[in-house]
Amino acid sequence: MTIRRMAIPAWAFVGLLTINSPLSAQEKKEEGAAKPDQPAAAQPAPTPAAQPARPAAPKPPVIKSMPQNKVAPKPTADIPAPTVTLKAGEVPAIKFDTPVYDFGRIRAGQDVIHDFWFTNTGTGPLELLRVRPSCGCTQAGAHDKIVQPGQTGKIPIKMSTGHAAGPVNKTVMVSTNVTGEGSNITLQIKGEVWQPLQTTPTSASFGRLTAESMKSATLERKLTIVNNTEAKAALTDIKSSTPSFKADVKELEPGKKFELTVAVVPPLPPGVISGTIEIATGVGDMPKLQVPVSAYVTADVEITPNQLTLATNRPGAMQRQFFVRNNSARSLKITDLKASNEKLKVAILETQPVGMAYRVSLDIPADYQIPEKGDTITFKTDNDTMPMVTIPIKSTPAMTDVTAQFNAPGATKVVTPITEKDVAVLQAQPKKDDHAGHDHAAPAPSTPPTPAGTPTNQKK
């Protein structure tokens, strides 16, 4: 039996090989010479030469729709609506040269002035809807509001350091007509402000005090005063604006570093106590140093709210609650709870912790009318400092009643015109320091200052 071998044409290897290569000249010759029924010489099948891989077939094109405008951010009470109408395919974008400005180290009282430059990197008009600093000591000047694609604009910022000391960090929120997450950008101004004489911490705060805490603890606050000038300081003539606090100074480094000790002088009246410690420094740049002091003193028995005011015209029956807190160390007992008017129903519930907290509820019927002199809720306690507690109940006349009284026949109406002299007096009054009442800086390190002028920048 004769075994016939046939030459396998090169095209048969295409489906078996991972390399999809064109036929060589030798393969074409052998393919033409071989016939299906014609015997061929016994020889091994040729192996096609390795060829570079063909480039992959191109992917079918992705058909994109025409660019559509995204929905612009909706205006709110703080952010106005855009005045620019974007056309189809116009997408504004904003990029700042640097959103963070570090002004370095400057002396308190100097102003920080800086221009934040930005570019519209989008394809549509960019509109700045609002520029809002985080603090009243920082102001934004007249800025570019509408910037075309590829153009630049700036936002001038001025920050007043006032009496700040230590690290300062302020922000400015910029709202734009850019859609999505990039619509709002936060700019940052940071640096360090130093005082000629710097106190760390900047104030002596005793926080919340009770009668028990004033008996068991030494109520003192220690502050460090560092002289950052070349002259030597001599701290003398220490005065307190309130008899509730006293102060003393100890020199740590001659003329350069001091320790200020502020102490409470009991007994303290309930409520908020605040004042200043004033010290003569002997330094020409800062002859007087003032250190704020404060404390909040609670009574042994504290009621919240401590009175009730009801409108004359009420919609119906209602309930009000009062919370009693025991600030003393021993358990508190409450007895003989009652209201001065029989229509008012009162009840008391002892809450956790036992003997330290109570809740008083007052049910007020719809037909209850507050007498002219008012009503009261009273109860007794076993605390010697507050044996009797009284919660007054008062009325507030409705606005219609006030209007009726003002427009009643025979009512005297006095209208005093404002004269030019009054306007002059108002304009002459000094403006309140914006830095009062909130912290602008944390304590600064006691390193000597480096000369610094008012930092500015200009776009070239």
Protein backbone atom coordinates (compact mmCIF):
# COMPACT_ATOMS: atom_id res chain seq x y z
CA MET A 1 0.00 0.00 0.00
CA THR A 2 1.44 3.26 -1.09
CA ILE A 3 0.98 6.25 1.18
CA ARG A 4 0.64 9.43 -0.68
CA ARG A 5 1.81 12.61 0.88
CA MET A 6 0.53 15.89 -0.31
CA ALA A 7 2.17 19.21 0.03
CA ILE A 8 0.15 21.34 2.36
CA PRO A 9 -0.25 24.82 0.92
CA ALA A 10 0.84 27.71 3.05
CA TRP A 11 -2.66 29.14 3.23
CA ALA A 12 -3.70 26.14 5.33
CA PHE A 13 -1.43 27.35 8.13
CA VAL A 14 -3.23 30.63 8.48
CA GLY A 15 -5.92 29.21 10.74
CA LEU A 16 -3.36 27.27 12.80
CA LEU A 17 -0.81 29.99 13.42
CA THR A 18 -1.19 32.99 15.64
CA ILE A 19 0.93 34.99 13.19
CA ASN A 20 -1.21 36.19 10.31
CA SER A 21 1.54 36.81 7.66
CA PRO A 22 1.52 37.16 3.84
CA LEU A 23 2.64 34.23 1.64
CA SER A 24 6.30 34.08 0.63
CA ALA A 25 7.44 33.52 -3.00
CA GLN A 26 8.52 29.92 -2.26
CA GLU A 27 5.13 29.12 -0.78
CA LYS A 28 3.33 30.52 -3.80
CA LYS A 29 5.50 28.34 -6.15
CA GLU A 30 4.79 25.16 -4.20
CA GLU A 31 1.09 25.99 -4.02
CA GLY A 32 0.89 26.31 -7.83
CA ALA A 33 2.87 23.10 -8.54
CA ALA A 34 0.84 20.87 -6.23
CA LYS A 35 -2.42 19.38 -7.47
CA PRO A 36 -5.06 17.66 -5.33
CA ASP A 37 -4.76 14.24 -7.05
CA GLN A 38 -1.08 14.41 -8.04
CA PRO A 39 1.49 12.67 -5.85
CA ALA A 40 4.31 14.71 -4.57
CA ALA A 41 7.79 13.92 -3.45
CA ALA A 42 8.09 12.67 0.11
CA GLN A 43 9.40 15.63 2.01
CA PRO A 44 8.42 17.41 5.16
CA ALA A 45 5.96 20.19 4.89
CA PRO A 46 7.63 23.58 4.70
CA THR A 47 7.44 25.86 7.71
CA PRO A 48 6.61 29.45 6.84
CA ALA A 49 9.18 32.01 7.90
CA ALA A 50 8.32 34.23 10.83
CA GLN A 51 7.00 37.58 9.72
CA PRO A 52 6.14 40.74 11.63
CA ALA A 53 2.63 40.75 13.01
CA ARG A 54 0.05 42.61 11.01
CA PRO A 55 -1.45 45.66 12.60
CA ALA A 56 -4.70 44.93 14.35
CA ALA A 57 -7.82 45.67 12.45
CA PRO A 58 -9.09 49.14 13.25
CA LYS A 59 -11.93 49.32 15.74
CA PRO A 60 -15.23 50.59 14.43
CA PRO A 61 -15.43 54.33 14.95
CA VAL A 62 -17.34 55.55 17.98
CA ILE A 63 -20.01 57.94 16.85
CA LYS A 64 -20.23 60.81 19.29
CA SER A 65 -23.12 63.15 19.54
CA MET A 66 -22.61 66.85 19.32
CA PRO A 67 -21.35 68.34 22.64
CA GLN A 68 -24.19 69.43 24.82
CA ASN A 69 -24.12 72.13 27.48
CA LYS A 70 -24.36 70.82 31.03
CA VAL A 71 -26.96 72.33 33.28
CA ALA A 72 -25.47 75.36 35.01
CA PRO A 73 -25.51 75.41 38.82
CA LYS A 74 -28.77 76.73 40.17
CA PRO A 75 -28.55 80.11 41.93
CA THR A 76 -29.07 80.23 45.67
CA ALA A 77 -29.77 83.01 48.14
CA ASP A 78 -26.01 83.71 48.32
CA ILE A 79 -24.93 82.92 44.75
CA PRO A 80 -26.59 84.94 41.95
CA ALA A 81 -27.62 83.44 38.62
CA PRO A 82 -25.16 83.68 35.69
CA THR A 83 -25.69 86.56 33.29
CA VAL A 84 -23.77 84.81 30.48
CA THR A 85 -25.71 82.45 28.20
CA LEU A 86 -23.49 79.63 26.92
CA LYS A 87 -23.92 78.43 23.35
CA ALA A 88 -23.90 74.79 22.27
CA GLY A 89 -20.46 73.29 22.89
CA GLU A 90 -19.23 76.15 25.11
CA VAL A 91 -17.81 74.87 28.40
CA PRO A 92 -15.96 77.34 30.65
CA ALA A 93 -13.16 76.23 32.99
CA ILE A 94 -10.99 78.07 35.53
CA LYS A 95 -7.41 77.52 36.67
CA PHE A 96 -5.54 79.68 39.21
CA ASP A 97 -1.80 80.27 38.94
CA THR A 98 -1.63 79.36 42.63
CA PRO A 99 -4.66 79.00 44.92
CA VAL A 100 -2.48 79.30 48.06
CA TYR A 101 -0.53 82.44 49.00
CA ASP A 102 2.01 82.31 51.85
CA PHE A 103 2.88 85.85 52.91
CA GLY A 104 5.64 84.69 55.25
CA ARG A 105 6.16 86.51 58.55
CA ILE A 106 5.02 90.09 59.15
CA ARG A 107 4.36 92.39 62.06
CA ALA A 108 0.85 92.82 63.41
CA GLY A 109 -0.93 95.89 62.07
CA GLN A 110 0.37 95.49 58.52
CA ASP A 111 -1.98 94.66 55.65
CA VAL A 112 -1.45 91.69 53.36
CA ILE A 113 -2.17 92.57 49.71
CA HIS A 114 -2.20 89.91 47.00
CA ASP A 115 -3.64 89.34 43.51
CA PHE A 116 -4.91 85.83 42.68
CA TRP A 117 -4.51 85.39 38.90
CA PHE A 118 -6.59 82.87 36.97
CA THR A 119 -7.08 81.70 33.35
CA ASN A 120 -10.18 80.55 31.50
CA THR A 121 -8.96 77.20 30.13
CA GLY A 122 -12.35 76.27 28.72
CA THR A 123 -14.21 76.94 25.47
CA GLY A 124 -16.91 79.27 26.75
CA PRO A 125 -17.09 82.58 28.64
CA LEU A 126 -16.16 82.25 32.34
CA GLU A 127 -18.20 84.27 34.84
CA LEU A 128 -17.32 84.86 38.50
CA LEU A 129 -20.64 84.87 40.35
CA ARG A 130 -19.39 85.56 43.88
CA VAL A 131 -16.12 86.12 45.76
CA ARG A 132 -16.62 85.62 49.48
CA PRO A 133 -13.84 85.89 52.12
CA SER A 134 -14.23 83.78 55.25
CA CYS A 135 -13.66 86.69 57.65
CA GLY A 136 -14.45 90.38 57.87
CA CYS A 137 -10.74 91.18 58.18
CA THR A 138 -10.28 89.93 54.58
CA GLN A 139 -11.73 91.92 51.69
CA ALA A 140 -11.94 91.31 47.95
CA GLY A 141 -11.37 94.26 45.63
CA ALA A 142 -12.83 94.93 42.18
CA HIS A 143 -12.15 91.78 40.17
CA ASP A 144 -12.65 90.55 36.61
CA LYS A 145 -16.14 89.07 36.38
CA ILE A 146 -16.37 87.75 32.78
CA VAL A 147 -13.28 86.25 31.12
CA GLN A 148 -13.25 84.86 27.58
CA PRO A 149 -11.55 81.53 26.69
CA GLY A 150 -7.76 81.74 26.86
CA GLN A 151 -7.86 85.09 28.69
CA THR A 152 -6.69 85.83 32.25
CA GLY A 153 -8.20 87.72 35.17
CA LYS A 154 -7.35 88.58 38.75
CA ILE A 155 -8.95 88.84 42.19
CA PRO A 156 -7.25 91.40 44.45
CA ILE A 157 -7.36 90.51 48.16
CA LYS A 158 -6.52 92.63 51.19
CA MET A 159 -6.21 91.14 54.68
CA SER A 160 -5.85 93.29 57.80
CA THR A 161 -3.78 91.64 60.52
CA GLY A 162 -4.97 93.98 63.29
CA HIS A 163 -3.95 92.57 66.69
CA ALA A 164 -3.49 89.00 65.46
CA ALA A 165 -0.50 86.96 66.61
CA GLY A 166 0.89 83.63 65.47
CA PRO A 167 -0.10 81.51 62.46
CA VAL A 168 -2.91 82.97 60.34
CA ASN A 169 -5.00 81.04 57.82
CA LYS A 170 -7.80 82.73 55.85
CA THR A 171 -9.86 81.47 52.92
CA VAL A 172 -11.75 83.05 50.03
CA MET A 173 -14.55 81.11 48.29
CA VAL A 174 -14.95 81.81 44.55
CA SER A 175 -18.19 80.71 42.86
CA THR A 176 -18.31 80.53 39.04
CA ASN A 177 -20.56 79.43 36.17
CA VAL A 178 -18.41 76.32 35.69
CA THR A 179 -20.52 73.17 35.92
CA GLY A 180 -19.78 70.22 38.18
CA GLU A 181 -17.23 70.01 40.98
CA GLY A 182 -15.08 72.83 39.62
CA SER A 183 -17.76 75.49 40.12
CA ASN A 184 -16.43 76.53 43.56
CA ILE A 185 -12.75 77.17 44.29
CA THR A 186 -11.24 77.89 47.70
CA LEU A 187 -8.31 80.30 47.82
CA GLN A 188 -6.04 80.36 50.86
CA ILE A 189 -3.93 83.06 52.51
CA LYS A 190 -1.56 81.94 55.23
CA GLY A 191 1.46 83.13 57.13
CA GLU A 192 2.65 84.22 60.55
CA VAL A 193 1.97 87.50 62.35
CA TRP A 194 4.16 88.67 65.21
CA GLN A 195 3.68 91.29 67.91
CA PRO A 196 6.44 93.41 69.50
CA LEU A 197 5.42 91.74 72.76
CA GLN A 198 3.67 88.45 72.16
CA THR A 199 1.56 86.56 74.71
CA THR A 200 1.09 82.78 74.51
CA PRO A 201 -1.73 81.90 74.81
CA THR A 202 -3.26 85.21 73.82
CA SER A 203 -5.81 85.24 76.68
CA ALA A 204 -6.47 83.75 80.12
CA SER A 205 -9.73 81.81 79.95
CA PHE A 206 -11.04 79.86 82.96
CA GLY A 207 -14.03 78.39 81.16
CA ARG A 208 -16.98 77.16 83.19
CA LEU A 209 -16.62 77.40 86.98
CA THR A 210 -18.81 76.08 89.77
CA ALA A 211 -18.75 76.80 93.50
CA GLU A 212 -17.22 73.35 94.12
CA SER A 213 -14.47 73.79 91.53
CA MET A 214 -13.50 77.13 93.02
CA LYS A 215 -13.09 75.48 96.43
CA SER A 216 -11.13 72.41 95.37
CA ALA A 217 -8.83 73.73 92.63
CA THR A 218 -6.15 76.37 92.34
CA LEU A 219 -7.59 78.62 89.69
CA GLU A 220 -4.56 80.02 87.93
CA ARG A 221 -3.56 80.45 84.31
CA LYS A 222 0.07 80.88 83.27
CA LEU A 223 0.99 82.75 80.09
CA THR A 224 4.35 83.43 78.46
CA ILE A 225 5.27 86.92 77.24
CA VAL A 226 8.12 87.23 74.72
CA ASN A 227 9.74 90.51 73.73
CA ASN A 228 10.39 90.39 69.95
CA THR A 229 12.06 93.80 69.76
CA GLU A 230 15.72 94.73 70.23
CA ALA A 231 14.91 96.93 73.24
CA LYS A 232 14.70 95.42 76.72
CA ALA A 233 11.27 95.27 78.33
CA ALA A 234 10.41 96.00 81.95
CA LEU A 235 6.90 94.81 82.85
CA THR A 236 5.45 96.95 85.63
CA ASP A 237 2.23 98.61 86.84
CA ILE A 238 0.02 95.51 86.51
CA LYS A 239 -3.71 96.37 86.67
CA SER A 240 -6.89 94.31 86.41
CA SER A 241 -10.08 95.88 85.06
CA THR A 242 -12.20 93.70 87.38
CA PRO A 243 -11.67 92.69 91.05
CA SER A 244 -12.50 89.08 90.12
CA PHE A 245 -8.98 88.55 88.71
CA LYS A 246 -5.45 89.40 89.81
CA ALA A 247 -2.10 89.01 88.04
CA ASP A 248 1.63 88.78 88.74
CA VAL A 249 4.71 88.78 86.46
CA LYS A 250 7.98 86.87 86.85
CA GLU A 251 11.02 87.56 84.64
CA LEU A 252 12.45 84.43 83.00
CA GLU A 253 15.07 86.03 80.72
CA PRO A 254 16.22 89.59 81.46
CA GLY A 255 14.19 91.99 79.34
CA LYS A 256 13.15 89.27 76.87
CA LYS A 257 10.92 86.59 78.38
CA PHE A 258 8.35 86.72 81.20
CA GLU A 259 5.73 84.55 82.88
CA LEU A 260 2.32 86.07 83.60
CA THR A 261 0.17 84.37 86.25
CA VAL A 262 -3.55 85.24 86.33
CA ALA A 263 -5.63 84.02 89.28
CA VAL A 264 -9.31 84.10 90.25
CA VAL A 265 -10.31 86.13 93.32
CA PRO A 266 -13.37 84.45 94.90
CA PRO A 267 -16.20 84.79 95.54
CA LEU A 268 -17.33 85.26 91.96
CA PRO A 269 -20.86 86.34 91.02
CA PRO A 270 -22.83 83.99 88.75
CA GLY A 271 -22.71 84.66 85.04
CA VAL A 272 -20.07 85.74 82.55
CA ILE A 273 -17.09 87.65 83.96
CA SER A 274 -14.63 89.26 81.57
CA GLY A 275 -11.96 91.92 81.72
CA THR A 276 -8.35 92.74 80.85
CA ILE A 277 -4.97 92.68 82.54
CA GLU A 278 -3.01 95.80 81.56
CA ILE A 279 0.77 95.91 81.90
CA ALA A 280 3.27 98.72 81.25
CA THR A 281 6.12 97.32 79.11
CA GLY A 282 8.71 100.07 78.78
CA VAL A 283 8.94 99.28 75.04
CA GLY A 284 8.32 102.21 72.70
CA ASP A 285 6.71 100.07 69.98
CA MET A 286 4.15 98.71 72.47
CA PRO A 287 4.07 100.71 75.73
CA LYS A 288 0.91 98.95 77.02
CA LEU A 289 0.14 95.24 76.89
CA GLN A 290 -3.47 94.09 77.38
CA VAL A 291 -4.37 90.47 78.07
CA PRO A 292 -8.08 89.43 77.96
CA VAL A 293 -9.39 87.33 80.89
CA SER A 294 -12.75 85.58 81.21
CA ALA A 295 -14.77 83.01 83.17
CA TYR A 296 -18.32 81.70 83.30
CA VAL A 297 -19.63 81.04 86.80
CA THR A 298 -22.65 78.79 87.22
CA ALA A 299 -25.00 78.76 90.21
CA ASP A 300 -25.32 75.60 92.33
CA VAL A 301 -28.79 75.07 90.88
CA GLU A 302 -29.12 76.05 87.23
CA ILE A 303 -32.45 76.28 85.35
CA THR A 304 -32.71 76.34 81.55
CA PRO A 305 -34.54 78.38 80.41
CA ASN A 306 -34.71 80.57 83.50
CA GLN A 307 -38.00 82.23 82.45
CA LEU A 308 -40.95 81.69 80.09
CA THR A 309 -42.43 84.27 77.72
CA LEU A 310 -45.77 83.47 76.05
CA ALA A 311 -47.57 85.27 73.27
CA THR A 312 -51.02 86.64 74.07
CA ASN A 313 -52.54 85.03 70.96
CA ARG A 314 -51.64 81.33 71.04
CA PRO A 315 -52.95 78.67 68.65
CA GLY A 316 -54.07 76.30 71.43
CA ALA A 317 -52.89 74.20 74.35
CA MET A 318 -49.16 73.63 74.64
CA GLN A 319 -46.46 72.19 76.86
CA ARG A 320 -43.14 73.70 77.88
CA GLN A 321 -40.21 72.10 79.69
CA PHE A 322 -37.49 73.37 82.02
CA PHE A 323 -34.26 71.57 82.86
CA VAL A 324 -32.78 71.73 86.35
CA ARG A 325 -29.07 70.97 86.73
CA ASN A 326 -27.32 70.41 90.04
CA ASN A 327 -23.78 71.83 89.86
CA SER A 328 -22.86 70.99 93.46
CA ALA A 329 -21.08 67.84 94.61
CA ARG A 330 -23.91 66.40 96.70
CA SER A 331 -27.31 65.11 95.58
CA LEU A 332 -30.13 67.63 95.18
CA LYS A 333 -33.72 67.17 96.37
CA ILE A 334 -36.62 69.21 94.98
CA THR A 335 -39.92 69.60 96.83
CA ASP A 336 -43.10 71.70 96.86
CA LEU A 337 -43.31 72.26 93.09
CA LYS A 338 -46.28 74.47 92.18
CA ALA A 339 -47.60 77.14 89.82
CA SER A 340 -49.16 80.40 90.94
CA ASN A 341 -52.16 79.88 88.61
CA GLU A 342 -54.41 76.87 89.10
CA LYS A 343 -54.93 76.48 85.36
CA LEU A 344 -51.26 75.67 84.92
CA LYS A 345 -50.31 72.04 85.62
CA VAL A 346 -46.71 71.27 86.58
CA ALA A 347 -44.88 67.97 87.02
CA ILE A 348 -41.28 66.97 87.72
CA LEU A 349 -39.22 63.99 86.60
CA GLU A 350 -35.83 63.04 88.01
CA THR A 351 -33.45 62.07 85.19
CA GLN A 352 -29.96 60.61 85.12
CA PRO A 353 -27.72 60.97 86.99
CA VAL A 354 -29.94 60.64 90.06
CA GLY A 355 -29.94 63.71 92.27
CA MET A 356 -28.12 65.79 89.65
CA ALA A 357 -30.71 66.49 86.93
CA TYR A 358 -34.47 67.07 86.76
CA ARG A 359 -37.03 67.98 84.10
CA VAL A 360 -40.03 70.19 84.94
CA SER A 361 -42.98 70.10 82.51
CA LEU A 362 -45.65 72.79 82.30
CA ASP A 363 -49.04 72.17 80.63
CA ILE A 364 -50.70 75.37 79.39
CA PRO A 365 -54.41 75.17 78.42
CA ALA A 366 -55.76 77.07 75.43
CA ASP A 367 -57.94 79.38 77.57
CA TYR A 368 -55.09 80.43 79.86
CA GLN A 369 -54.64 84.20 80.03
CA ILE A 370 -51.51 85.63 81.60
CA PRO A 371 -52.33 88.27 84.24
CA GLU A 372 -50.73 91.68 83.97
CA LYS A 373 -48.28 90.93 86.77
CA GLY A 374 -47.47 87.50 85.30
CA ASP A 375 -47.32 84.08 86.93
CA THR A 376 -44.57 81.94 88.45
CA ILE A 377 -43.39 78.38 88.91
CA THR A 378 -41.67 77.75 92.24
CA PHE A 379 -39.99 74.86 94.01
CA LYS A 380 -37.80 74.30 97.04
CA THR A 381 -34.37 72.66 97.15
CA ASP A 382 -32.13 71.38 99.93
CA ASN A 383 -29.20 73.44 98.61
CA ASP A 384 -28.26 76.18 101.09
CA THR A 385 -27.27 78.66 98.36
CA MET A 386 -30.61 78.34 96.53
CA PRO A 387 -33.35 77.16 98.93
CA MET A 388 -36.12 78.59 96.69
CA VAL A 389 -36.19 78.73 92.89
CA THR A 390 -38.64 80.93 90.98
CA ILE A 391 -39.31 80.75 87.23
CA PRO A 392 -41.26 83.82 86.01
CA ILE A 393 -43.96 83.53 83.33
CA LYS A 394 -44.50 86.69 81.27
CA SER A 395 -46.53 87.71 78.25
CA THR A 396 -45.48 89.30 75.01
CA PRO A 397 -48.12 91.43 73.28
CA ALA A 398 -48.94 90.46 69.73
CA MET A 399 -47.80 92.75 66.94
CA THR A 400 -51.41 93.69 66.17
CA ASP A 401 -51.84 94.91 69.75
CA VAL A 402 -48.75 97.09 69.49
CA THR A 403 -49.97 98.58 66.22
CA ALA A 404 -53.40 99.23 67.69
CA GLN A 405 -51.88 100.98 70.69
CA PHE A 406 -49.71 103.16 68.45
CA ASN A 407 -52.63 104.11 66.18
CA ALA A 408 -55.16 104.62 68.97
CA PRO A 409 -56.92 108.01 69.01
CA GLY A 410 -55.01 110.47 71.13
CA ALA A 411 -51.81 108.42 71.02
CA THR A 412 -48.74 110.66 71.00
CA LYS A 413 -46.46 110.14 68.03
CA VAL A 414 -43.08 111.79 68.32
CA VAL A 415 -40.77 111.68 65.32
CA THR A 416 -37.37 113.32 65.78
CA PRO A 417 -35.69 114.24 62.49
CA ILE A 418 -32.00 113.42 62.02
CA THR A 419 -29.98 116.59 61.67
CA GLU A 420 -26.66 117.11 59.89
CA LYS A 421 -25.02 117.30 63.32
CA ASP A 422 -26.33 113.83 64.17
CA VAL A 423 -24.91 112.45 60.92
CA ALA A 424 -21.53 114.03 61.66
CA VAL A 425 -21.47 112.49 65.15
CA LEU A 426 -22.30 109.02 63.76
CA GLN A 427 -19.60 109.26 61.12
CA ALA A 428 -17.03 110.36 63.68
CA GLN A 429 -17.58 107.29 65.86
CA PRO A 430 -14.70 104.80 65.59
CA LYS A 431 -15.39 101.51 63.87
CA LYS A 432 -15.35 98.38 65.99
CA ASP A 433 -12.29 96.19 65.62
CA ASP A 434 -13.33 93.19 63.56
CA HIS A 435 -10.85 91.00 65.42
CA ALA A 436 -12.75 91.29 68.69
CA GLY A 437 -14.82 88.29 69.63
CA HIS A 438 -13.19 85.62 67.48
CA ASP A 439 -9.77 84.03 67.21
CA HIS A 440 -7.62 84.93 64.23
CA ALA A 441 -4.43 83.19 65.13
CA ALA A 442 -2.92 80.50 67.27
CA PRO A 443 0.09 81.15 69.51
CA ALA A 444 3.27 81.89 67.61
CA PRO A 445 6.76 80.57 68.39
CA SER A 446 9.05 82.84 70.31
CA THR A 447 11.65 83.23 67.57
CA PRO A 448 12.90 86.76 66.87
CA PRO A 449 11.21 88.54 63.97
CA THR A 450 12.69 88.98 60.56
CA PRO A 451 12.29 92.35 58.86
CA ALA A 452 9.33 92.30 56.55
CA GLY A 453 7.40 94.85 54.59
CA THR A 454 3.87 94.70 53.31
CA PRO A 455 3.80 91.69 50.99
CA THR A 456 2.47 92.37 47.51
CA ASN A 457 2.64 90.68 44.12
CA GLN A 458 2.13 91.72 40.54
CA LYS A 459 1.42 89.69 37.41
CA LYS A 460 3.98 90.38 34.74
